[in-house]
C-alpha atoms as a PDB file:
ATOM      1  CA  MET A   1       0.000   0.000   0.000  1.00  0.00           C
ATOM      2  CA  ASN A   2       1.182   3.508  -0.702  1.00  0.00           C
ATOM      3  CA  LYS A   3       0.373   6.862   0.915  1.00  0.00           C
ATOM      4  CA  LYS A   4      -2.204   7.788  -1.703  1.00  0.00           C
ATOM      5  CA  GLU A   5      -4.148   4.562  -1.109  1.00  0.00           C
ATOM      6  CA  LEU A   6      -3.939   4.920   2.672  1.00  0.00           C
ATOM      7  CA  LYS A   7      -5.092   8.532   2.466  1.00  0.00           C
ATOM      8  CA  LYS A   8      -8.157   7.416   0.482  1.00  0.00           C
ATOM      9  CA  ILE A   9      -8.958   4.733   3.078  1.00  0.00           C
ATOM     10  CA  CYS A  10      -8.632   7.297   5.872  1.00  0.00           C
ATOM     11  CA  GLN A  11     -10.736   9.867   3.974  1.00  0.00           C
ATOM     12  CA  ASP A  12     -13.490   7.322   3.430  1.00  0.00           C
ATOM     13  CA  TYR A  13     -13.424   6.275   7.078  1.00  0.00           C
ATOM     14  CA  ALA A  14     -13.501   9.880   8.303  1.00  0.00           C
ATOM     15  CA  LYS A  15     -16.435  10.702   6.044  1.00  0.00           C
ATOM     16  CA  LYS A  16     -18.363   7.608   7.129  1.00  0.00           C
ATOM     17  CA  GLN A  17     -17.791   8.425  10.811  1.00  0.00           C
ATOM     18  CA  GLY A  18     -18.542  12.136  10.484  1.00  0.00           C
ATOM     19  CA  PHE A  19     -14.943  13.177  11.230  1.00  0.00           C
ATOM     20  CA  LEU A  20     -12.534  15.377   9.325  1.00  0.00           C
ATOM     21  CA  LEU A  21      -9.229  14.061   8.057  1.00  0.00           C
ATOM     22  CA  GLN A  22      -6.214  16.131   9.115  1.00  0.00           C
ATOM     23  CA  PRO A  23      -6.344  19.170   6.769  1.00  0.00           C
ATOM     24  CA  ASP A  24      -2.667  20.147   7.122  1.00  0.00           C
ATOM     25  CA  PRO A  25      -0.958  18.355   4.221  1.00  0.00           C
ATOM     26  CA  VAL A  26       2.467  18.259   5.913  1.00  0.00           C
ATOM     27  CA  LEU A  27       1.105  16.823   9.154  1.00  0.00           C
ATOM     28  CA  LEU A  28      -1.143  14.384   7.286  1.00  0.00           C
ATOM     29  CA  ASP A  29       1.831  13.172   5.247  1.00  0.00           C
ATOM     30  CA  ARG A  30       3.875  12.566   8.422  1.00  0.00           C
ATOM     31  CA  ILE A  31       1.051  10.615  10.072  1.00  0.00           C
ATOM     32  CA  LEU A  32       0.469   8.467   6.986  1.00  0.00           C
ATOM     33  CA  GLU A  33       4.217   7.852   6.685  1.00  0.00           C
ATOM     34  CA  GLY A  34       4.278   6.773  10.336  1.00  0.00           C
ATOM     35  CA  LEU A  35       1.418   4.346   9.777  1.00  0.00           C
ATOM     36  CA  LEU A  36       3.072   2.843   6.711  1.00  0.00           C
ATOM     37  CA  ASN A  37       6.437   2.543   8.480  1.00  0.00           C
ATOM     38  CA  ARG A  38       4.821   0.700  11.356  1.00  0.00           C
ATOM     39  CA  GLU A  39       3.102  -1.609   8.915  1.00  0.00           C
ATOM     40  CA  LYS A  40       6.505  -2.406   7.376  1.00  0.00           C
ATOM     41  CA  ILE A  41       8.098  -3.018  10.760  1.00  0.00           C
ATOM     42  CA  TYR A  42       5.276  -4.765  12.648  1.00  0.00           C
ATOM     43  CA  GLY A  43       2.960  -6.027   9.919  1.00  0.00           C
ATOM     44  CA  LEU A  44       0.036  -3.872  11.095  1.00  0.00           C
ATOM     45  CA  ARG A  45      -0.699  -0.146  10.911  1.00  0.00           C
ATOM     46  CA  TYR A  46      -0.275   0.715  14.566  1.00  0.00           C
ATOM     47  CA  CYS A  47      -1.008   4.318  15.499  1.00  0.00           C
ATOM     48  CA  PRO A  48       2.266   6.234  15.266  1.00  0.00           C
ATOM     49  CA  CYS A  49       1.462   8.080  18.496  1.00  0.00           C
ATOM     50  CA  ARG A  50       1.260   4.942  20.626  1.00  0.00           C
ATOM     51  CA  ARG A  51       3.884   2.531  21.917  1.00  0.00           C
ATOM     52  CA  VAL A  52       3.869  -1.012  20.547  1.00  0.00           C
ATOM     53  CA  THR A  53       4.349  -3.301  23.549  1.00  0.00           C
ATOM     54  CA  GLY A  54       4.770  -6.696  21.928  1.00  0.00           C
ATOM     55  CA  ASP A  55       1.652  -7.985  23.716  1.00  0.00           C
ATOM     56  CA  ILE A  56      -0.537  -9.014  20.773  1.00  0.00           C
ATOM     57  CA  GLU A  57      -3.829  -8.567  22.642  1.00  0.00           C
ATOM     58  CA  GLU A  58      -2.916  -5.119  23.962  1.00  0.00           C
ATOM     59  CA  ASP A  59      -1.390  -3.979  20.677  1.00  0.00           C
ATOM     60  CA  ARG A  60      -4.558  -4.862  18.734  1.00  0.00           C
ATOM     61  CA  LYS A  61      -6.149  -1.900  20.499  1.00  0.00           C
ATOM     62  CA  ILE A  62      -3.774   0.515  18.782  1.00  0.00           C
ATOM     63  CA  VAL A  63      -4.212  -0.573  15.158  1.00  0.00           C
ATOM     64  CA  CYS A  64      -5.431   2.524  13.338  1.00  0.00           C
ATOM     65  CA  PRO A  65      -8.159   3.520  13.803  1.00  0.00           C
ATOM     66  CA  CYS A  66      -7.465   2.578  17.413  1.00  0.00           C
ATOM     67  CA  ILE A  67     -10.092   1.829  20.038  1.00  0.00           C
ATOM     68  CA  TYR A  68      -9.394   5.167  21.717  1.00  0.00           C
ATOM     69  CA  HIS A  69      -9.942   7.533  18.796  1.00  0.00           C
ATOM     70  CA  LYS A  70     -13.702   8.099  19.043  1.00  0.00           C
ATOM     71  CA  GLU A  71     -13.580   9.045  22.717  1.00  0.00           C
ATOM     72  CA  GLU A  72     -10.520  11.253  22.151  1.00  0.00           C
ATOM     73  CA  ILE A  73     -12.254  13.054  19.293  1.00  0.00           C
ATOM     74  CA  LYS A  74     -15.343  13.541  21.427  1.00  0.00           C
ATOM     75  CA  ASP A  75     -13.355  14.837  24.418  1.00  0.00           C
ATOM     76  CA  GLU A  76     -10.380  16.586  22.813  1.00  0.00           C
ATOM     77  CA  GLY A  77     -11.596  17.407  19.297  1.00  0.00           C
ATOM     78  CA  HIS A  78      -9.037  15.097  17.690  1.00  0.00           C
ATOM     79  CA  CYS A  79      -7.480  11.691  18.137  1.00  0.00           C
ATOM     80  CA  LYS A  80      -4.079  11.528  19.812  1.00  0.00           C
ATOM     81  CA  CYS A  81      -2.071  11.489  16.577  1.00  0.00           C
ATOM     82  CA  MET A  82      -4.382  14.126  15.052  1.00  0.00           C
ATOM     83  CA  LEU A  83      -5.273  12.041  11.992  1.00  0.00           C
ATOM     84  CA  PHE A  84      -8.998  12.463  12.650  1.00  0.00           C
ATOM     85  CA  LEU A  85     -10.643  15.660  13.888  1.00  0.00           C
ATOM     86  CA  LYS A  86     -14.072  16.550  15.167  1.00  0.00           C
ATOM     87  CA  LYS A  87     -16.226  18.163  12.527  1.00  0.00           C
ATOM     88  CA  ILE A  88     -17.356  21.592  13.707  1.00  0.00           C
ATOM     89  CA  GLU A  89     -20.840  22.477  12.580  1.00  0.00           C
END
């Protein structure tokens, strides 16, 4: 998978969930690069903002989109890595 394909997947997910995808192209590129690097290293797209522990059950929670992102967006306006943002209406 390349960055363009991953961006499309993330855009589709954000739209479906009612979120915004990170609008800053430089920051978005860094986040996508981090996800792709982790996929190369670990075999899964772990959130670049979270520590991979080696515990398979625990680490499943941090595969992007992680289990924490919806609550973080609700509470903080964005997920921890800032890939997804709350849509302001």
